[in-house]
PDB file of N, CA and C in Angstrom:
ATOM      1  N   MET A   1     139.583 166.358  59.081  1.00  0.00           N
ATOM      2  CA  MET A   1     140.431 165.754  60.084  1.00  0.00           C
ATOM      3  C   MET A   1     140.794 164.337  59.642  1.00  0.00           C
ATOM      4  N   ALA A   2     142.067 163.984  59.715  1.00  0.00           N
ATOM      5  CA  ALA A   2     142.534 162.670  59.298  1.00  0.00           C
ATOM      6  C   ALA A   2     142.155 161.617  60.332  1.00  0.00           C
ATOM      7  N   ALA A   3     141.941 160.412  59.834  1.00  0.00           N
ATOM      8  CA  ALA A   3     141.630 159.300  60.735  1.00  0.00           C
ATOM      9  C   ALA A   3     142.861 158.970  61.563  1.00  0.00           C
ATOM     10  N   ALA A   4     142.634 158.525  62.781  1.00  0.00           N
ATOM     11  CA  ALA A   4     143.739 158.154  63.674  1.00  0.00           C
ATOM     12  C   ALA A   4     144.464 156.947  63.097  1.00  0.00           C
ATOM     13  N   SER A   5     145.766 156.942  63.211  1.00  0.00           N
ATOM     14  CA  SER A   5     146.580 155.850  62.715  1.00  0.00           C
ATOM     15  C   SER A   5     147.145 155.079  63.907  1.00  0.00           C
ATOM     16  N   TYR A   6     146.826 153.799  63.966  1.00  0.00           N
ATOM     17  CA  TYR A   6     147.297 152.957  65.054  1.00  0.00           C
ATOM     18  C   TYR A   6     148.221 151.891  64.490  1.00  0.00           C
ATOM     19  N   PRO A   7     149.105 151.351  65.305  1.00  0.00           N
ATOM     20  CA  PRO A   7     149.998 150.297  64.822  1.00  0.00           C
ATOM     21  C   PRO A   7     149.196 149.106  64.300  1.00  0.00           C
ATOM     22  N   HIS A   8     149.731 148.441  63.275  1.00  0.00           N
ATOM     23  CA  HIS A   8     149.096 147.228  62.747  1.00  0.00           C
ATOM     24  C   HIS A   8     149.210 146.115  63.790  1.00  0.00           C
ATOM     25  N   ALA A   9     148.093 145.517  64.131  1.00  0.00           N
ATOM     26  CA  ALA A   9     148.095 144.429  65.114  1.00  0.00           C
ATOM     27  C   ALA A   9     148.083 143.083  64.397  1.00  0.00           C
ATOM     28  N   HIS A  10     149.058 142.259  64.709  1.00  0.00           N
ATOM     29  CA  HIS A  10     149.109 140.903  64.181  1.00  0.00           C
ATOM     30  C   HIS A  10     148.117 140.005  64.917  1.00  0.00           C
ATOM     31  N   ARG A  11     147.759 140.438  66.109  1.00  0.00           N
ATOM     32  CA  ARG A  11     146.821 139.667  66.947  1.00  0.00           C
ATOM     33  C   ARG A  11     146.041 140.638  67.814  1.00  0.00           C
ATOM     34  N   GLU A  12     144.794 140.290  68.114  1.00  0.00           N
ATOM     35  CA  GLU A  12     143.957 141.121  68.981  1.00  0.00           C
ATOM     36  C   GLU A  12     143.393 140.270  70.111  1.00  0.00           C
ATOM     37  N   LEU A  13     143.317 140.864  71.289  1.00  0.00           N
ATOM     38  CA  LEU A  13     142.726 140.201  72.448  1.00  0.00           C
ATOM     39  C   LEU A  13     141.622 141.092  73.009  1.00  0.00           C
ATOM     40  N   ASP A  14     140.471 140.528  73.219  1.00  0.00           N
ATOM     41  CA  ASP A  14     139.366 141.245  73.863  1.00  0.00           C
ATOM     42  C   ASP A  14     139.268 140.702  75.281  1.00  0.00           C
ATOM     43  N   LEU A  15     139.789 141.465  76.222  1.00  0.00           N
ATOM     44  CA  LEU A  15     139.809 141.038  77.624  1.00  0.00           C
ATOM     45  C   LEU A  15     138.917 141.933  78.479  1.00  0.00           C
ATOM     46  N   ARG A  16     137.940 142.550  77.832  1.00  0.00           N
ATOM     47  CA  ARG A  16     137.009 143.408  78.569  1.00  0.00           C
ATOM     48  C   ARG A  16     136.255 142.573  79.594  1.00  0.00           C
ATOM     49  N   GLY A  17     136.061 143.142  80.777  1.00  0.00           N
ATOM     50  CA  GLY A  17     135.338 142.465  81.848  1.00  0.00           C
ATOM     51  C   GLY A  17     136.225 141.698  82.806  1.00  0.00           C
ATOM     52  N   LEU A  18     137.484 141.487  82.435  1.00  0.00           N
ATOM     53  CA  LEU A  18     138.411 140.782  83.324  1.00  0.00           C
ATOM     54  C   LEU A  18     139.136 141.783  84.220  1.00  0.00           C
ATOM     55  N   ASN A  19     139.393 141.385  85.439  1.00  0.00           N
ATOM     56  CA  ASN A  19     140.088 142.255  86.393  1.00  0.00           C
ATOM     57  C   ASN A  19     141.502 141.766  86.648  1.00  0.00           C
ATOM     58  N   CYS A  20     142.314 142.664  87.170  1.00  0.00           N
ATOM     59  CA  CYS A  20     143.704 142.405  87.512  1.00  0.00           C
ATOM     60  C   CYS A  20     143.811 141.136  88.355  1.00  0.00           C
ATOM     61  N   PRO A  21     144.721 140.282  88.047  1.00  0.00           N
ATOM     62  CA  PRO A  21     145.828 140.366  87.095  1.00  0.00           C
ATOM     63  C   PRO A  21     145.556 139.676  85.766  1.00  0.00           C
ATOM     64  N   LEU A  22     144.316 139.229  85.510  1.00  0.00           N
ATOM     65  CA  LEU A  22     144.042 138.411  84.327  1.00  0.00           C
ATOM     66  C   LEU A  22     144.394 139.077  83.000  1.00  0.00           C
ATOM     67  N   PRO A  23     144.083 140.362  82.766  1.00  0.00           N
ATOM     68  CA  PRO A  23     144.438 140.928  81.458  1.00  0.00           C
ATOM     69  C   PRO A  23     145.936 140.855  81.145  1.00  0.00           C
ATOM     70  N   VAL A  24     146.771 141.203  82.091  1.00  0.00           N
ATOM     71  CA  VAL A  24     148.201 141.175  81.820  1.00  0.00           C
ATOM     72  C   VAL A  24     148.717 139.736  81.732  1.00  0.00           C
ATOM     73  N   LEU A  25     148.177 138.833  82.508  1.00  0.00           N
ATOM     74  CA  LEU A  25     148.601 137.432  82.438  1.00  0.00           C
ATOM     75  C   LEU A  25     148.222 136.804  81.095  1.00  0.00           C
ATOM     76  N   ARG A  26     147.025 137.064  80.618  1.00  0.00           N
ATOM     77  CA  ARG A  26     146.593 136.524  79.314  1.00  0.00           C
ATOM     78  C   ARG A  26     147.387 137.158  78.169  1.00  0.00           C
ATOM     79  N   THR A  27     147.741 138.421  78.331  1.00  0.00           N
ATOM     80  CA  THR A  27     148.553 139.085  77.312  1.00  0.00           C
ATOM     81  C   THR A  27     149.949 138.475  77.274  1.00  0.00           C
ATOM     82  N   LYS A  28     150.548 138.244  78.434  1.00  0.00           N
ATOM     83  CA  LYS A  28     151.864 137.595  78.499  1.00  0.00           C
ATOM     84  C   LYS A  28     151.823 136.232  77.823  1.00  0.00           C
ATOM     85  N   GLN A  29     150.760 135.492  78.059  1.00  0.00           N
ATOM     86  CA  GLN A  29     150.615 134.165  77.460  1.00  0.00           C
ATOM     87  C   GLN A  29     150.530 134.279  75.935  1.00  0.00           C
ATOM     88  N   ALA A  30     149.763 135.246  75.429  1.00  0.00           N
ATOM     89  CA  ALA A  30     149.628 135.431  73.985  1.00  0.00           C
ATOM     90  C   ALA A  30     150.951 135.859  73.356  1.00  0.00           C
ATOM     91  N   LEU A  31     151.704 136.704  74.048  1.00  0.00           N
ATOM     92  CA  LEU A  31     152.985 137.173  73.525  1.00  0.00           C
ATOM     93  C   LEU A  31     153.988 136.034  73.363  1.00  0.00           C
ATOM     94  N   ARG A  32     153.890 135.019  74.184  1.00  0.00           N
ATOM     95  CA  ARG A  32     154.809 133.873  74.090  1.00  0.00           C
ATOM     96  C   ARG A  32     154.729 133.192  72.729  1.00  0.00           C
ATOM     97  N   ASP A  33     153.536 133.210  72.123  1.00  0.00           N
ATOM     98  CA  ASP A  33     153.314 132.535  70.845  1.00  0.00           C
ATOM     99  C   ASP A  33     153.557 133.434  69.640  1.00  0.00           C
ATOM    100  N   MET A  34     154.030 134.644  69.869  1.00  0.00           N
ATOM    101  CA  MET A  34     154.240 135.600  68.788  1.00  0.00           C
ATOM    102  C   MET A  34     155.733 135.761  68.495  1.00  0.00           C
ATOM    103  N   ALA A  35     156.030 136.230  67.283  1.00  0.00           N
ATOM    104  CA  ALA A  35     157.416 136.473  66.884  1.00  0.00           C
ATOM    105  C   ALA A  35     157.864 137.850  67.360  1.00  0.00           C
ATOM    106  N   VAL A  36     159.156 137.996  67.604  1.00  0.00           N
ATOM    107  CA  VAL A  36     159.722 139.294  67.977  1.00  0.00           C
ATOM    108  C   VAL A  36     159.356 140.314  66.902  1.00  0.00           C
ATOM    109  N   GLY A  37     158.883 141.485  67.345  1.00  0.00           N
ATOM    110  CA  GLY A  37     158.508 142.558  66.424  1.00  0.00           C
ATOM    111  C   GLY A  37     157.040 142.580  66.060  1.00  0.00           C
ATOM    112  N   GLU A  38     156.319 141.489  66.348  1.00  0.00           N
ATOM    113  CA  GLU A  38     154.886 141.484  66.066  1.00  0.00           C
ATOM    114  C   GLU A  38     154.154 142.317  67.107  1.00  0.00           C
ATOM    115  N   CYS A  39     152.988 142.809  66.732  1.00  0.00           N
ATOM    116  CA  CYS A  39     152.206 143.698  67.587  1.00  0.00           C
ATOM    117  C   CYS A  39     150.894 143.031  67.990  1.00  0.00           C
ATOM    118  N   ILE A  40     150.500 143.264  69.227  1.00  0.00           N
ATOM    119  CA  ILE A  40     149.228 142.774  69.737  1.00  0.00           C
ATOM    120  C   ILE A  40     148.426 143.971  70.248  1.00  0.00           C
ATOM    121  N   ALA A  41     147.140 143.989  69.934  1.00  0.00           N
ATOM    122  CA  ALA A  41     146.228 145.024  70.436  1.00  0.00           C
ATOM    123  C   ALA A  41     145.337 144.362  71.482  1.00  0.00           C
ATOM    124  N   VAL A  42     145.271 144.967  72.657  1.00  0.00           N
ATOM    125  CA  VAL A  42     144.533 144.379  73.775  1.00  0.00           C
ATOM    126  C   VAL A  42     143.503 145.374  74.287  1.00  0.00           C
ATOM    127  N   GLN A  43     142.233 144.942  74.333  1.00  0.00           N
ATOM    128  CA  GLN A  43     141.157 145.774  74.880  1.00  0.00           C
ATOM    129  C   GLN A  43     140.817 145.292  76.281  1.00  0.00           C
ATOM    130  N   VAL A  44     140.769 146.238  77.224  1.00  0.00           N
ATOM    131  CA  VAL A  44     140.462 145.920  78.614  1.00  0.00           C
ATOM    132  C   VAL A  44     139.534 146.975  79.198  1.00  0.00           C
ATOM    133  N   THR A  45     138.888 146.628  80.302  1.00  0.00           N
ATOM    134  CA  THR A  45     138.050 147.594  81.012  1.00  0.00           C
ATOM    135  C   THR A  45     138.528 147.830  82.439  1.00  0.00           C
ATOM    136  N   ASP A  46     139.535 147.091  82.870  1.00  0.00           N
ATOM    137  CA  ASP A  46     140.088 147.261  84.218  1.00  0.00           C
ATOM    138  C   ASP A  46     140.919 148.542  84.252  1.00  0.00           C
ATOM    139  N   PRO A  47     140.524 149.535  85.052  1.00  0.00           N
ATOM    140  CA  PRO A  47     141.264 150.799  85.077  1.00  0.00           C
ATOM    141  C   PRO A  47     142.702 150.663  85.578  1.00  0.00           C
ATOM    142  N   HIS A  48     143.006 149.608  86.310  1.00  0.00           N
ATOM    143  CA  HIS A  48     144.364 149.386  86.805  1.00  0.00           C
ATOM    144  C   HIS A  48     145.294 148.837  85.720  1.00  0.00           C
ATOM    145  N   ALA A  49     144.726 148.498  84.578  1.00  0.00           N
ATOM    146  CA  ALA A  49     145.527 147.915  83.504  1.00  0.00           C
ATOM    147  C   ALA A  49     146.606 148.862  83.006  1.00  0.00           C
ATOM    148  N   VAL A  50     146.380 150.165  83.103  1.00  0.00           N
ATOM    149  CA  VAL A  50     147.396 151.127  82.661  1.00  0.00           C
ATOM    150  C   VAL A  50     148.707 150.860  83.400  1.00  0.00           C
ATOM    151  N   ILE A  51     148.634 150.726  84.691  1.00  0.00           N
ATOM    152  CA  ILE A  51     149.822 150.455  85.508  1.00  0.00           C
ATOM    153  C   ILE A  51     150.402 149.090  85.152  1.00  0.00           C
ATOM    154  N   ASP A  52     149.529 148.096  85.024  1.00  0.00           N
ATOM    155  CA  ASP A  52     149.980 146.730  84.759  1.00  0.00           C
ATOM    156  C   ASP A  52     150.689 146.602  83.416  1.00  0.00           C
ATOM    157  N   PHE A  53     150.133 147.201  82.361  1.00  0.00           N
ATOM    158  CA  PHE A  53     150.744 147.066  81.036  1.00  0.00           C
ATOM    159  C   PHE A  53     152.047 147.851  80.936  1.00  0.00           C
ATOM    160  N   ARG A  54     152.113 148.995  81.575  1.00  0.00           N
ATOM    161  CA  ARG A  54     153.375 149.750  81.588  1.00  0.00           C
ATOM    162  C   ARG A  54     154.454 148.968  82.333  1.00  0.00           C
ATOM    163  N   ALA A  55     154.085 148.359  83.453  1.00  0.00           N
ATOM    164  CA  ALA A  55     155.038 147.553  84.227  1.00  0.00           C
ATOM    165  C   ALA A  55     155.470 146.317  83.438  1.00  0.00           C
ATOM    166  N   LEU A  56     154.546 145.694  82.737  1.00  0.00           N
ATOM    167  CA  LEU A  56     154.881 144.536  81.907  1.00  0.00           C
ATOM    168  C   LEU A  56     155.957 144.908  80.898  1.00  0.00           C
ATOM    169  N   CYS A  57     155.777 146.020  80.232  1.00  0.00           N
ATOM    170  CA  CYS A  57     156.757 146.445  79.230  1.00  0.00           C
ATOM    171  C   CYS A  57     158.080 146.846  79.865  1.00  0.00           C
ATOM    172  N   ASP A  58     158.027 147.494  81.005  1.00  0.00           N
ATOM    173  CA  ASP A  58     159.258 147.916  81.687  1.00  0.00           C
ATOM    174  C   ASP A  58     160.098 146.726  82.153  1.00  0.00           C
ATOM    175  N   THR A  59     159.455 145.622  82.473  1.00  0.00           N
ATOM    176  CA  THR A  59     160.175 144.487  83.062  1.00  0.00           C
ATOM    177  C   THR A  59     160.466 143.347  82.084  1.00  0.00           C
ATOM    178  N   THR A  60     159.876 143.371  80.885  1.00  0.00           N
ATOM    179  CA  THR A  60     160.031 142.233  79.973  1.00  0.00           C
ATOM    180  C   THR A  60     160.731 142.556  78.662  1.00  0.00           C
ATOM    181  N   GLY A  61     160.874 143.830  78.334  1.00  0.00           N
ATOM    182  CA  GLY A  61     161.489 144.179  77.060  1.00  0.00           C
ATOM    183  C   GLY A  61     160.498 144.369  75.931  1.00  0.00           C
ATOM    184  N   HIS A  62     159.216 144.131  76.184  1.00  0.00           N
ATOM    185  CA  HIS A  62     158.197 144.436  75.181  1.00  0.00           C
ATOM    186  C   HIS A  62     158.011 145.952  75.170  1.00  0.00           C
ATOM    187  N   GLN A  63     157.492 146.465  74.055  1.00  0.00           N
ATOM    188  CA  GLN A  63     157.340 147.909  73.934  1.00  0.00           C
ATOM    189  C   GLN A  63     155.869 148.287  73.847  1.00  0.00           C
ATOM    190  N   LEU A  64     155.461 149.245  74.680  1.00  0.00           N
ATOM    191  CA  LEU A  64     154.106 149.797  74.612  1.00  0.00           C
ATOM    192  C   LEU A  64     154.126 150.859  73.524  1.00  0.00           C
ATOM    193  N   LEU A  65     153.504 150.551  72.382  1.00  0.00           N
ATOM    194  CA  LEU A  65     153.538 151.441  71.233  1.00  0.00           C
ATOM    195  C   LEU A  65     152.516 152.564  71.328  1.00  0.00           C
ATOM    196  N   HIS A  66     151.343 152.227  71.870  1.00  0.00           N
ATOM    197  CA  HIS A  66     150.252 153.199  71.868  1.00  0.00           C
ATOM    198  C   HIS A  66     149.191 152.729  72.860  1.00  0.00           C
ATOM    199  N   GLU A  67     148.466 153.669  73.407  1.00  0.00           N
ATOM    200  CA  GLU A  67     147.314 153.331  74.250  1.00  0.00           C
ATOM    201  C   GLU A  67     146.227 154.369  74.017  1.00  0.00           C
ATOM    202  N   THR A  68     144.986 153.912  74.036  1.00  0.00           N
ATOM    203  CA  THR A  68     143.850 154.812  73.875  1.00  0.00           C
ATOM    204  C   THR A  68     142.796 154.480  74.911  1.00  0.00           C
ATOM    205  N   GLU A  69     141.904 155.430  75.119  1.00  0.00           N
ATOM    206  CA  GLU A  69     140.768 155.235  76.019  1.00  0.00           C
ATOM    207  C   GLU A  69     139.521 155.721  75.302  1.00  0.00           C
ATOM    208  N   SER A  70     138.506 154.873  75.249  1.00  0.00           N
ATOM    209  CA  SER A  70     137.237 155.229  74.637  1.00  0.00           C
ATOM    210  C   SER A  70     136.137 154.753  75.576  1.00  0.00           C
ATOM    211  N   GLY A  71     135.541 155.694  76.296  1.00  0.00           N
ATOM    212  CA  GLY A  71     134.571 155.310  77.322  1.00  0.00           C
ATOM    213  C   GLY A  71     135.305 154.555  78.412  1.00  0.00           C
ATOM    214  N   ASP A  72     134.836 153.352  78.719  1.00  0.00           N
ATOM    215  CA  ASP A  72     135.503 152.556  79.753  1.00  0.00           C
ATOM    216  C   ASP A  72     136.458 151.516  79.164  1.00  0.00           C
ATOM    217  N   VAL A  73     136.688 151.572  77.849  1.00  0.00           N
ATOM    218  CA  VAL A  73     137.575 150.598  77.199  1.00  0.00           C
ATOM    219  C   VAL A  73     138.942 151.221  76.938  1.00  0.00           C
ATOM    220  N   LEU A  74     139.957 150.558  77.467  1.00  0.00           N
ATOM    221  CA  LEU A  74     141.348 150.930  77.216  1.00  0.00           C
ATOM    222  C   LEU A  74     141.902 149.954  76.191  1.00  0.00           C
ATOM    223  N   THR A  75     142.639 150.476  75.219  1.00  0.00           N
ATOM    224  CA  THR A  75     143.286 149.614  74.234  1.00  0.00           C
ATOM    225  C   THR A  75     144.774 149.890  74.256  1.00  0.00           C
ATOM    226  N   PHE A  76     145.551 148.819  74.328  1.00  0.00           N
ATOM    227  CA  PHE A  76     147.002 148.896  74.364  1.00  0.00           C
ATOM    228  C   PHE A  76     147.562 148.152  73.156  1.00  0.00           C
ATOM    229  N   TRP A  77     148.542 148.766  72.489  1.00  0.00           N
ATOM    230  CA  TRP A  77     149.265 148.121  71.403  1.00  0.00           C
ATOM    231  C   TRP A  77     150.664 147.850  71.909  1.00  0.00           C
ATOM    232  N   LEU A  78     151.046 146.573  71.946  1.00  0.00           N
ATOM    233  CA  LEU A  78     152.359 146.178  72.428  1.00  0.00           C
ATOM    234  C   LEU A  78     153.121 145.472  71.307  1.00  0.00           C
ATOM    235  N   GLU A  79     154.402 145.759  71.241  1.00  0.00           N
ATOM    236  CA  GLU A  79     155.273 145.061  70.296  1.00  0.00           C
ATOM    237  C   GLU A  79     156.124 144.075  71.090  1.00  0.00           C
ATOM    238  N   LYS A  80     156.161 142.838  70.610  1.00  0.00           N
ATOM    239  CA  LYS A  80     156.928 141.828  71.319  1.00  0.00           C
ATOM    240  C   LYS A  80     158.417 142.110  71.190  1.00  0.00           C
ATOM    241  N   GLY A  81     159.060 142.123  72.327  1.00  0.00           N
ATOM    242  CA  GLY A  81     160.502 142.325  72.368  1.00  0.00           C
ATOM    243  C   GLY A  81     161.249 141.001  72.329  1.00  0.00           C
ATOM    244  N   PRO A  82     162.580 141.087  72.390  1.00  0.00           N
ATOM    245  CA  PRO A  82     163.401 139.867  72.352  1.00  0.00           C
ATOM    246  C   PRO A  82     163.245 139.012  73.607  1.00  0.00           C
TER     247      PRO A  82
END
């Protein structure tokens, strides 16, 4: 079986243990300092983050490239939009 292939992350954020709205707010802040097209990988444990990260991408132009769940950790890969 081949290893899973995930988007290359230019930056990673470990936001495990933080609850809504902090993970999405800290991610928005990190995206401000990144170039268009760069990718950020964000680890969270807040189960509501799925809704929050999808809404962030729907309203800002960033793209949700991939998401995974491993135990209670959700990881989101976002590409910064224009």
